[in-house]
Amino acid sequence: MRYRERAEPARPSQVTWEVEARIIALACSEPPPGYARWTIRLLTRRVIELNILESVGRETIRTTLKKRNLSLT
């Protein structure tokens, strides 16, 4: 069975090793005042506020943490 060729090449990932390291460091830091722990939504907002990425979805943050077997609990 042959695979279908793409009409366009795949987009490169937004999350480079440097961006991934910054997201992980943020997730391992103290949560913002008023919160007991980080949530995916909080991390997503903070990544955008800190200009780590211009725009990012919650799923991108979740898969980045899951890839490194990190849990927010």
PDB file of N, CA and C in Angstrom:
ATOM      1  N   MET A   1       0.843  -1.170   0.000  1.00  0.00           N
ATOM      2  CA  MET A   1       0.000   0.000   0.000  1.00  0.00           C
ATOM      3  C   MET A   1       0.894   1.241   0.000  1.00  0.00           C
ATOM      4  N   ARG A   2       0.598   2.155  -0.874  1.00  0.00           N
ATOM      5  CA  ARG A   2       1.375   3.388  -0.967  1.00  0.00           C
ATOM      6  C   ARG A   2       0.659   4.506  -0.225  1.00  0.00           C
ATOM      7  N   TYR A   3       1.450   5.343   0.395  1.00  0.00           N
ATOM      8  CA  TYR A   3       0.876   6.494   1.085  1.00  0.00           C
ATOM      9  C   TYR A   3       0.613   7.612   0.093  1.00  0.00           C
ATOM     10  N   ARG A   4      -0.420   8.346   0.368  1.00  0.00           N
ATOM     11  CA  ARG A   4      -0.756   9.485  -0.460  1.00  0.00           C
ATOM     12  C   ARG A   4       0.243  10.604  -0.212  1.00  0.00           C
ATOM     13  N   GLU A   5       0.660  11.263  -1.241  1.00  0.00           N
ATOM     14  CA  GLU A   5       1.568  12.396  -1.070  1.00  0.00           C
ATOM     15  C   GLU A   5       0.762  13.635  -0.718  1.00  0.00           C
ATOM     16  N   ARG A   6       1.347  14.477   0.109  1.00  0.00           N
ATOM     17  CA  ARG A   6       0.678  15.714   0.509  1.00  0.00           C
ATOM     18  C   ARG A   6       0.728  16.736  -0.617  1.00  0.00           C
ATOM     19  N   ALA A   7      -0.318  17.531  -0.713  1.00  0.00           N
ATOM     20  CA  ALA A   7      -0.337  18.616  -1.690  1.00  0.00           C
ATOM     21  C   ALA A   7       0.650  19.705  -1.277  1.00  0.00           C
ATOM     22  N   GLU A   8       0.783  19.902   0.038  1.00  0.00           N
ATOM     23  CA  GLU A   8       1.712  20.888   0.594  1.00  0.00           C
ATOM     24  C   GLU A   8       2.605  20.192   1.605  1.00  0.00           C
ATOM     25  N   PRO A   9       3.811  20.681   1.804  1.00  0.00           N
ATOM     26  CA  PRO A   9       4.643  20.081   2.845  1.00  0.00           C
ATOM     27  C   PRO A   9       4.063  20.365   4.235  1.00  0.00           C
ATOM     28  N   ALA A  10       4.373  19.524   5.191  1.00  0.00           N
ATOM     29  CA  ALA A  10       3.876  19.705   6.557  1.00  0.00           C
ATOM     30  C   ALA A  10       4.444  20.987   7.161  1.00  0.00           C
ATOM     31  N   ARG A  11       3.619  21.637   7.990  1.00  0.00           N
ATOM     32  CA  ARG A  11       4.085  22.850   8.673  1.00  0.00           C
ATOM     33  C   ARG A  11       5.074  22.466   9.761  1.00  0.00           C
ATOM     34  N   PRO A  12       6.144  23.221   9.913  1.00  0.00           N
ATOM     35  CA  PRO A  12       7.048  22.934  11.033  1.00  0.00           C
ATOM     36  C   PRO A  12       6.355  23.241  12.366  1.00  0.00           C
ATOM     37  N   SER A  13       6.709  22.520  13.391  1.00  0.00           N
ATOM     38  CA  SER A  13       6.087  22.687  14.694  1.00  0.00           C
ATOM     39  C   SER A  13       6.419  24.049  15.292  1.00  0.00           C
ATOM     40  N   GLN A  14       5.453  24.627  16.010  1.00  0.00           N
ATOM     41  CA  GLN A  14       5.680  25.886  16.719  1.00  0.00           C
ATOM     42  C   GLN A  14       6.621  25.667  17.890  1.00  0.00           C
ATOM     43  N   VAL A  15       6.558  24.483  18.460  1.00  0.00           N
ATOM     44  CA  VAL A  15       7.265  24.213  19.703  1.00  0.00           C
ATOM     45  C   VAL A  15       8.653  23.653  19.404  1.00  0.00           C
ATOM     46  N   THR A  16       9.643  24.515  19.499  1.00  0.00           N
ATOM     47  CA  THR A  16      11.031  24.080  19.349  1.00  0.00           C
ATOM     48  C   THR A  16      11.520  23.595  20.705  1.00  0.00           C
ATOM     49  N   TRP A  17      12.733  23.066  20.749  1.00  0.00           N
ATOM     50  CA  TRP A  17      13.265  22.577  22.030  1.00  0.00           C
ATOM     51  C   TRP A  17      13.380  23.710  23.038  1.00  0.00           C
ATOM     52  N   GLU A  18      13.680  24.914  22.558  1.00  0.00           N
ATOM     53  CA  GLU A  18      13.815  26.063  23.468  1.00  0.00           C
ATOM     54  C   GLU A  18      12.456  26.456  24.050  1.00  0.00           C
ATOM     55  N   VAL A  19      11.438  26.504  23.200  1.00  0.00           N
ATOM     56  CA  VAL A  19      10.086  26.836  23.647  1.00  0.00           C
ATOM     57  C   VAL A  19       9.584  25.759  24.605  1.00  0.00           C
ATOM     58  N   GLU A  20       9.848  24.504  24.271  1.00  0.00           N
ATOM     59  CA  GLU A  20       9.440  23.395  25.137  1.00  0.00           C
ATOM     60  C   GLU A  20      10.086  23.515  26.518  1.00  0.00           C
ATOM     61  N   ALA A  21      11.358  23.854  26.555  1.00  0.00           N
ATOM     62  CA  ALA A  21      12.066  24.006  27.834  1.00  0.00           C
ATOM     63  C   ALA A  21      11.456  25.144  28.658  1.00  0.00           C
ATOM     64  N   ARG A  22      11.072  26.235  28.014  1.00  0.00           N
ATOM     65  CA  ARG A  22      10.473  27.364  28.739  1.00  0.00           C
ATOM     66  C   ARG A  22       9.095  27.012  29.279  1.00  0.00           C
ATOM     67  N   ILE A  23       8.320  26.240  28.506  1.00  0.00           N
ATOM     68  CA  ILE A  23       6.992  25.817  28.966  1.00  0.00           C
ATOM     69  C   ILE A  23       7.127  24.893  30.165  1.00  0.00           C
ATOM     70  N   ILE A  24       8.073  23.969  30.103  1.00  0.00           N
ATOM     71  CA  ILE A  24       8.284  23.026  31.210  1.00  0.00           C
ATOM     72  C   ILE A  24       8.762  23.768  32.456  1.00  0.00           C
ATOM     73  N   ALA A  25       9.672  24.711  32.274  1.00  0.00           N
ATOM     74  CA  ALA A  25      10.153  25.496  33.420  1.00  0.00           C
ATOM     75  C   ALA A  25       9.008  26.284  34.049  1.00  0.00           C
ATOM     76  N   LEU A  26       8.145  26.830  33.225  1.00  0.00           N
ATOM     77  CA  LEU A  26       6.989  27.575  33.731  1.00  0.00           C
ATOM     78  C   LEU A  26       6.049  26.648  34.502  1.00  0.00           C
ATOM     79  N   ALA A  27       5.811  25.452  33.962  1.00  0.00           N
ATOM     80  CA  ALA A  27       4.911  24.494  34.618  1.00  0.00           C
ATOM     81  C   ALA A  27       5.484  24.020  35.954  1.00  0.00           C
ATOM     82  N   CYS A  28       6.798  24.004  36.073  1.00  0.00           N
ATOM     83  CA  CYS A  28       7.436  23.556  37.321  1.00  0.00           C
ATOM     84  C   CYS A  28       7.601  24.689  38.334  1.00  0.00           C
ATOM     85  N   SER A  29       7.314  25.925  37.925  1.00  0.00           N
ATOM     86  CA  SER A  29       7.459  27.058  38.835  1.00  0.00           C
ATOM     87  C   SER A  29       6.224  27.181  39.725  1.00  0.00           C
ATOM     88  N   GLU A  30       6.277  28.138  40.627  1.00  0.00           N
ATOM     89  CA  GLU A  30       5.142  28.399  41.515  1.00  0.00           C
ATOM     90  C   GLU A  30       3.962  28.928  40.703  1.00  0.00           C
ATOM     91  N   PRO A  31       2.752  28.499  41.011  1.00  0.00           N
ATOM     92  CA  PRO A  31       1.580  29.025  40.293  1.00  0.00           C
ATOM     93  C   PRO A  31       1.341  30.481  40.671  1.00  0.00           C
ATOM     94  N   PRO A  32       0.556  31.189  39.889  1.00  0.00           N
ATOM     95  CA  PRO A  32       0.267  32.596  40.194  1.00  0.00           C
ATOM     96  C   PRO A  32      -0.445  32.735  41.542  1.00  0.00           C
ATOM     97  N   PRO A  33      -0.338  33.895  42.154  1.00  0.00           N
ATOM     98  CA  PRO A  33      -1.039  34.108  43.424  1.00  0.00           C
ATOM     99  C   PRO A  33      -2.534  33.847  43.278  1.00  0.00           C
ATOM    100  N   GLY A  34      -3.088  33.180  44.268  1.00  0.00           N
ATOM    101  CA  GLY A  34      -4.509  32.878  44.244  1.00  0.00           C
ATOM    102  C   GLY A  34      -4.831  31.510  43.661  1.00  0.00           C
ATOM    103  N   TYR A  35      -3.812  30.808  43.161  1.00  0.00           N
ATOM    104  CA  TYR A  35      -4.009  29.478  42.583  1.00  0.00           C
ATOM    105  C   TYR A  35      -3.134  28.472  43.316  1.00  0.00           C
ATOM    106  N   ALA A  36      -3.680  27.298  43.538  1.00  0.00           N
ATOM    107  CA  ALA A  36      -2.928  26.241  44.228  1.00  0.00           C
ATOM    108  C   ALA A  36      -1.966  25.530  43.290  1.00  0.00           C
ATOM    109  N   ARG A  37      -2.330  25.461  41.997  1.00  0.00           N
ATOM    110  CA  ARG A  37      -1.475  24.778  41.017  1.00  0.00           C
ATOM    111  C   ARG A  37      -1.738  25.345  39.629  1.00  0.00           C
ATOM    112  N   TRP A  38      -0.851  25.019  38.692  1.00  0.00           N
ATOM    113  CA  TRP A  38      -1.025  25.430  37.310  1.00  0.00           C
ATOM    114  C   TRP A  38      -2.119  24.594  36.652  1.00  0.00           C
ATOM    115  N   THR A  39      -2.860  25.215  35.758  1.00  0.00           N
ATOM    116  CA  THR A  39      -3.792  24.489  34.906  1.00  0.00           C
ATOM    117  C   THR A  39      -3.339  24.717  33.462  1.00  0.00           C
ATOM    118  N   ILE A  40      -3.860  23.916  32.555  1.00  0.00           N
ATOM    119  CA  ILE A  40      -3.501  24.079  31.146  1.00  0.00           C
ATOM    120  C   ILE A  40      -3.900  25.478  30.659  1.00  0.00           C
ATOM    121  N   ARG A  41      -5.088  25.930  31.061  1.00  0.00           N
ATOM    122  CA  ARG A  41      -5.541  27.263  30.645  1.00  0.00           C
ATOM    123  C   ARG A  41      -4.630  28.369  31.183  1.00  0.00           C
ATOM    124  N   LEU A  42      -4.242  28.258  32.453  1.00  0.00           N
ATOM    125  CA  LEU A  42      -3.331  29.254  33.025  1.00  0.00           C
ATOM    126  C   LEU A  42      -1.992  29.256  32.292  1.00  0.00           C
ATOM    127  N   LEU A  43      -1.462  28.073  32.025  1.00  0.00           N
ATOM    128  CA  LEU A  43      -0.185  27.986  31.312  1.00  0.00           C
ATOM    129  C   LEU A  43      -0.294  28.585  29.915  1.00  0.00           C
ATOM    130  N   THR A  44      -1.392  28.309  29.232  1.00  0.00           N
ATOM    131  CA  THR A  44      -1.590  28.835  27.882  1.00  0.00           C
ATOM    132  C   THR A  44      -1.594  30.355  27.901  1.00  0.00           C
ATOM    133  N   ARG A  45      -2.347  30.937  28.835  1.00  0.00           N
ATOM    134  CA  ARG A  45      -2.393  32.400  28.945  1.00  0.00           C
ATOM    135  C   ARG A  45      -1.016  32.983  29.262  1.00  0.00           C
ATOM    136  N   ARG A  46      -0.300  32.348  30.191  1.00  0.00           N
ATOM    137  CA  ARG A  46       1.006  32.866  30.615  1.00  0.00           C
ATOM    138  C   ARG A  46       2.041  32.757  29.491  1.00  0.00           C
ATOM    139  N   VAL A  47       1.987  31.682  28.704  1.00  0.00           N
ATOM    140  CA  VAL A  47       2.910  31.530  27.573  1.00  0.00           C
ATOM    141  C   VAL A  47       2.710  32.674  26.583  1.00  0.00           C
ATOM    142  N   ILE A  48       1.473  33.062  26.350  1.00  0.00           N
ATOM    143  CA  ILE A  48       1.193  34.170  25.435  1.00  0.00           C
ATOM    144  C   ILE A  48       1.597  35.502  26.058  1.00  0.00           C
ATOM    145  N   GLU A  49       1.308  35.694  27.355  1.00  0.00           N
ATOM    146  CA  GLU A  49       1.679  36.938  28.049  1.00  0.00           C
ATOM    147  C   GLU A  49       3.183  37.156  28.046  1.00  0.00           C
ATOM    148  N   LEU A  50       3.947  36.079  28.224  1.00  0.00           N
ATOM    149  CA  LEU A  50       5.405  36.184  28.282  1.00  0.00           C
ATOM    150  C   LEU A  50       6.051  36.179  26.894  1.00  0.00           C
ATOM    151  N   ASN A  51       5.226  36.180  25.852  1.00  0.00           N
ATOM    152  CA  ASN A  51       5.703  36.172  24.470  1.00  0.00           C
ATOM    153  C   ASN A  51       6.621  34.987  24.161  1.00  0.00           C
ATOM    154  N   ILE A  52       6.345  33.863  24.806  1.00  0.00           N
ATOM    155  CA  ILE A  52       7.069  32.644  24.461  1.00  0.00           C
ATOM    156  C   ILE A  52       6.597  32.189  23.079  1.00  0.00           C
ATOM    157  N   LEU A  53       5.294  32.270  22.848  1.00  0.00           N
ATOM    158  CA  LEU A  53       4.683  32.039  21.536  1.00  0.00           C
ATOM    159  C   LEU A  53       3.631  33.120  21.318  1.00  0.00           C
ATOM    160  N   GLU A  54       3.435  33.526  20.056  1.00  0.00           N
ATOM    161  CA  GLU A  54       2.424  34.552  19.765  1.00  0.00           C
ATOM    162  C   GLU A  54       1.025  34.054  20.058  1.00  0.00           C
ATOM    163  N   SER A  55       0.734  32.850  19.584  1.00  0.00           N
ATOM    164  CA  SER A  55      -0.553  32.232  19.862  1.00  0.00           C
ATOM    165  C   SER A  55      -0.312  30.733  20.004  1.00  0.00           C
ATOM    166  N   VAL A  56      -1.070  30.142  20.890  1.00  0.00           N
ATOM    167  CA  VAL A  56      -0.908  28.703  21.134  1.00  0.00           C
ATOM    168  C   VAL A  56      -2.223  28.175  21.683  1.00  0.00           C
ATOM    169  N   GLY A  57      -2.533  26.954  21.335  1.00  0.00           N
ATOM    170  CA  GLY A  57      -3.750  26.321  21.831  1.00  0.00           C
ATOM    171  C   GLY A  57      -3.469  25.497  23.077  1.00  0.00           C
ATOM    172  N   ARG A  58      -4.533  25.231  23.803  1.00  0.00           N
ATOM    173  CA  ARG A  58      -4.379  24.413  25.015  1.00  0.00           C
ATOM    174  C   ARG A  58      -3.837  23.029  24.682  1.00  0.00           C
ATOM    175  N   GLU A  59      -4.258  22.481  23.561  1.00  0.00           N
ATOM    176  CA  GLU A  59      -3.824  21.135  23.188  1.00  0.00           C
ATOM    177  C   GLU A  59      -2.316  21.079  22.947  1.00  0.00           C
ATOM    178  N   THR A  60      -1.748  22.127  22.409  1.00  0.00           N
ATOM    179  CA  THR A  60      -0.298  22.178  22.191  1.00  0.00           C
ATOM    180  C   THR A  60       0.437  22.145  23.524  1.00  0.00           C
ATOM    181  N   ILE A  61      -0.053  22.902  24.493  1.00  0.00           N
ATOM    182  CA  ILE A  61       0.557  22.905  25.826  1.00  0.00           C
ATOM    183  C   ILE A  61       0.404  21.524  26.464  1.00  0.00           C
ATOM    184  N   ARG A  62      -0.773  20.942  26.362  1.00  0.00           N
ATOM    185  CA  ARG A  62      -1.033  19.633  26.959  1.00  0.00           C
ATOM    186  C   ARG A  62      -0.130  18.562  26.365  1.00  0.00           C
ATOM    187  N   THR A  63       0.005  18.534  25.051  1.00  0.00           N
ATOM    188  CA  THR A  63       0.842  17.502  24.432  1.00  0.00           C
ATOM    189  C   THR A  63       2.322  17.724  24.725  1.00  0.00           C
ATOM    190  N   THR A  64       2.730  18.975  24.857  1.00  0.00           N
ATOM    191  CA  THR A  64       4.125  19.267  25.217  1.00  0.00           C
ATOM    192  C   THR A  64       4.443  18.705  26.597  1.00  0.00           C
ATOM    193  N   LEU A  65       3.537  18.916  27.555  1.00  0.00           N
ATOM    194  CA  LEU A  65       3.755  18.389  28.901  1.00  0.00           C
ATOM    195  C   LEU A  65       3.660  16.862  28.921  1.00  0.00           C
ATOM    196  N   LYS A  66       2.707  16.322  28.171  1.00  0.00           N
ATOM    197  CA  LYS A  66       2.521  14.872  28.142  1.00  0.00           C
ATOM    198  C   LYS A  66       3.726  14.172  27.524  1.00  0.00           C
ATOM    199  N   LYS A  67       4.320  14.795  26.527  1.00  0.00           N
ATOM    200  CA  LYS A  67       5.484  14.215  25.863  1.00  0.00           C
ATOM    201  C   LYS A  67       6.629  14.000  26.852  1.00  0.00           C
ATOM    202  N   ARG A  68       6.734  14.879  27.819  1.00  0.00           N
ATOM    203  CA  ARG A  68       7.778  14.777  28.858  1.00  0.00           C
ATOM    204  C   ARG A  68       7.278  14.100  30.128  1.00  0.00           C
ATOM    205  N   ASN A  69       6.047  13.554  30.046  1.00  0.00           N
ATOM    206  CA  ASN A  69       5.449  12.816  31.162  1.00  0.00           C
ATOM    207  C   ASN A  69       5.326  13.692  32.418  1.00  0.00           C
ATOM    208  N   LEU A  70       4.947  14.943  32.220  1.00  0.00           N
ATOM    209  CA  LEU A  70       4.738  15.871  33.335  1.00  0.00           C
ATOM    210  C   LEU A  70       3.251  15.949  33.662  1.00  0.00           C
ATOM    211  N   SER A  71       2.948  15.962  34.939  1.00  0.00           N
ATOM    212  CA  SER A  71       1.581  16.088  35.392  1.00  0.00           C
ATOM    213  C   SER A  71       1.455  17.364  36.200  1.00  0.00           C
ATOM    214  N   LEU A  72       0.354  18.050  36.065  1.00  0.00           N
ATOM    215  CA  LEU A  72       0.148  19.294  36.794  1.00  0.00           C
ATOM    216  C   LEU A  72      -0.440  19.069  38.177  1.00  0.00           C
ATOM    217  N   THR A  73      -0.694  17.827  38.548  1.00  0.00           N
ATOM    218  CA  THR A  73      -1.267  17.563  39.870  1.00  0.00           C
ATOM    219  C   THR A  73      -0.215  17.287  40.897  1.00  0.00           C
TER     220      THR A  73
END
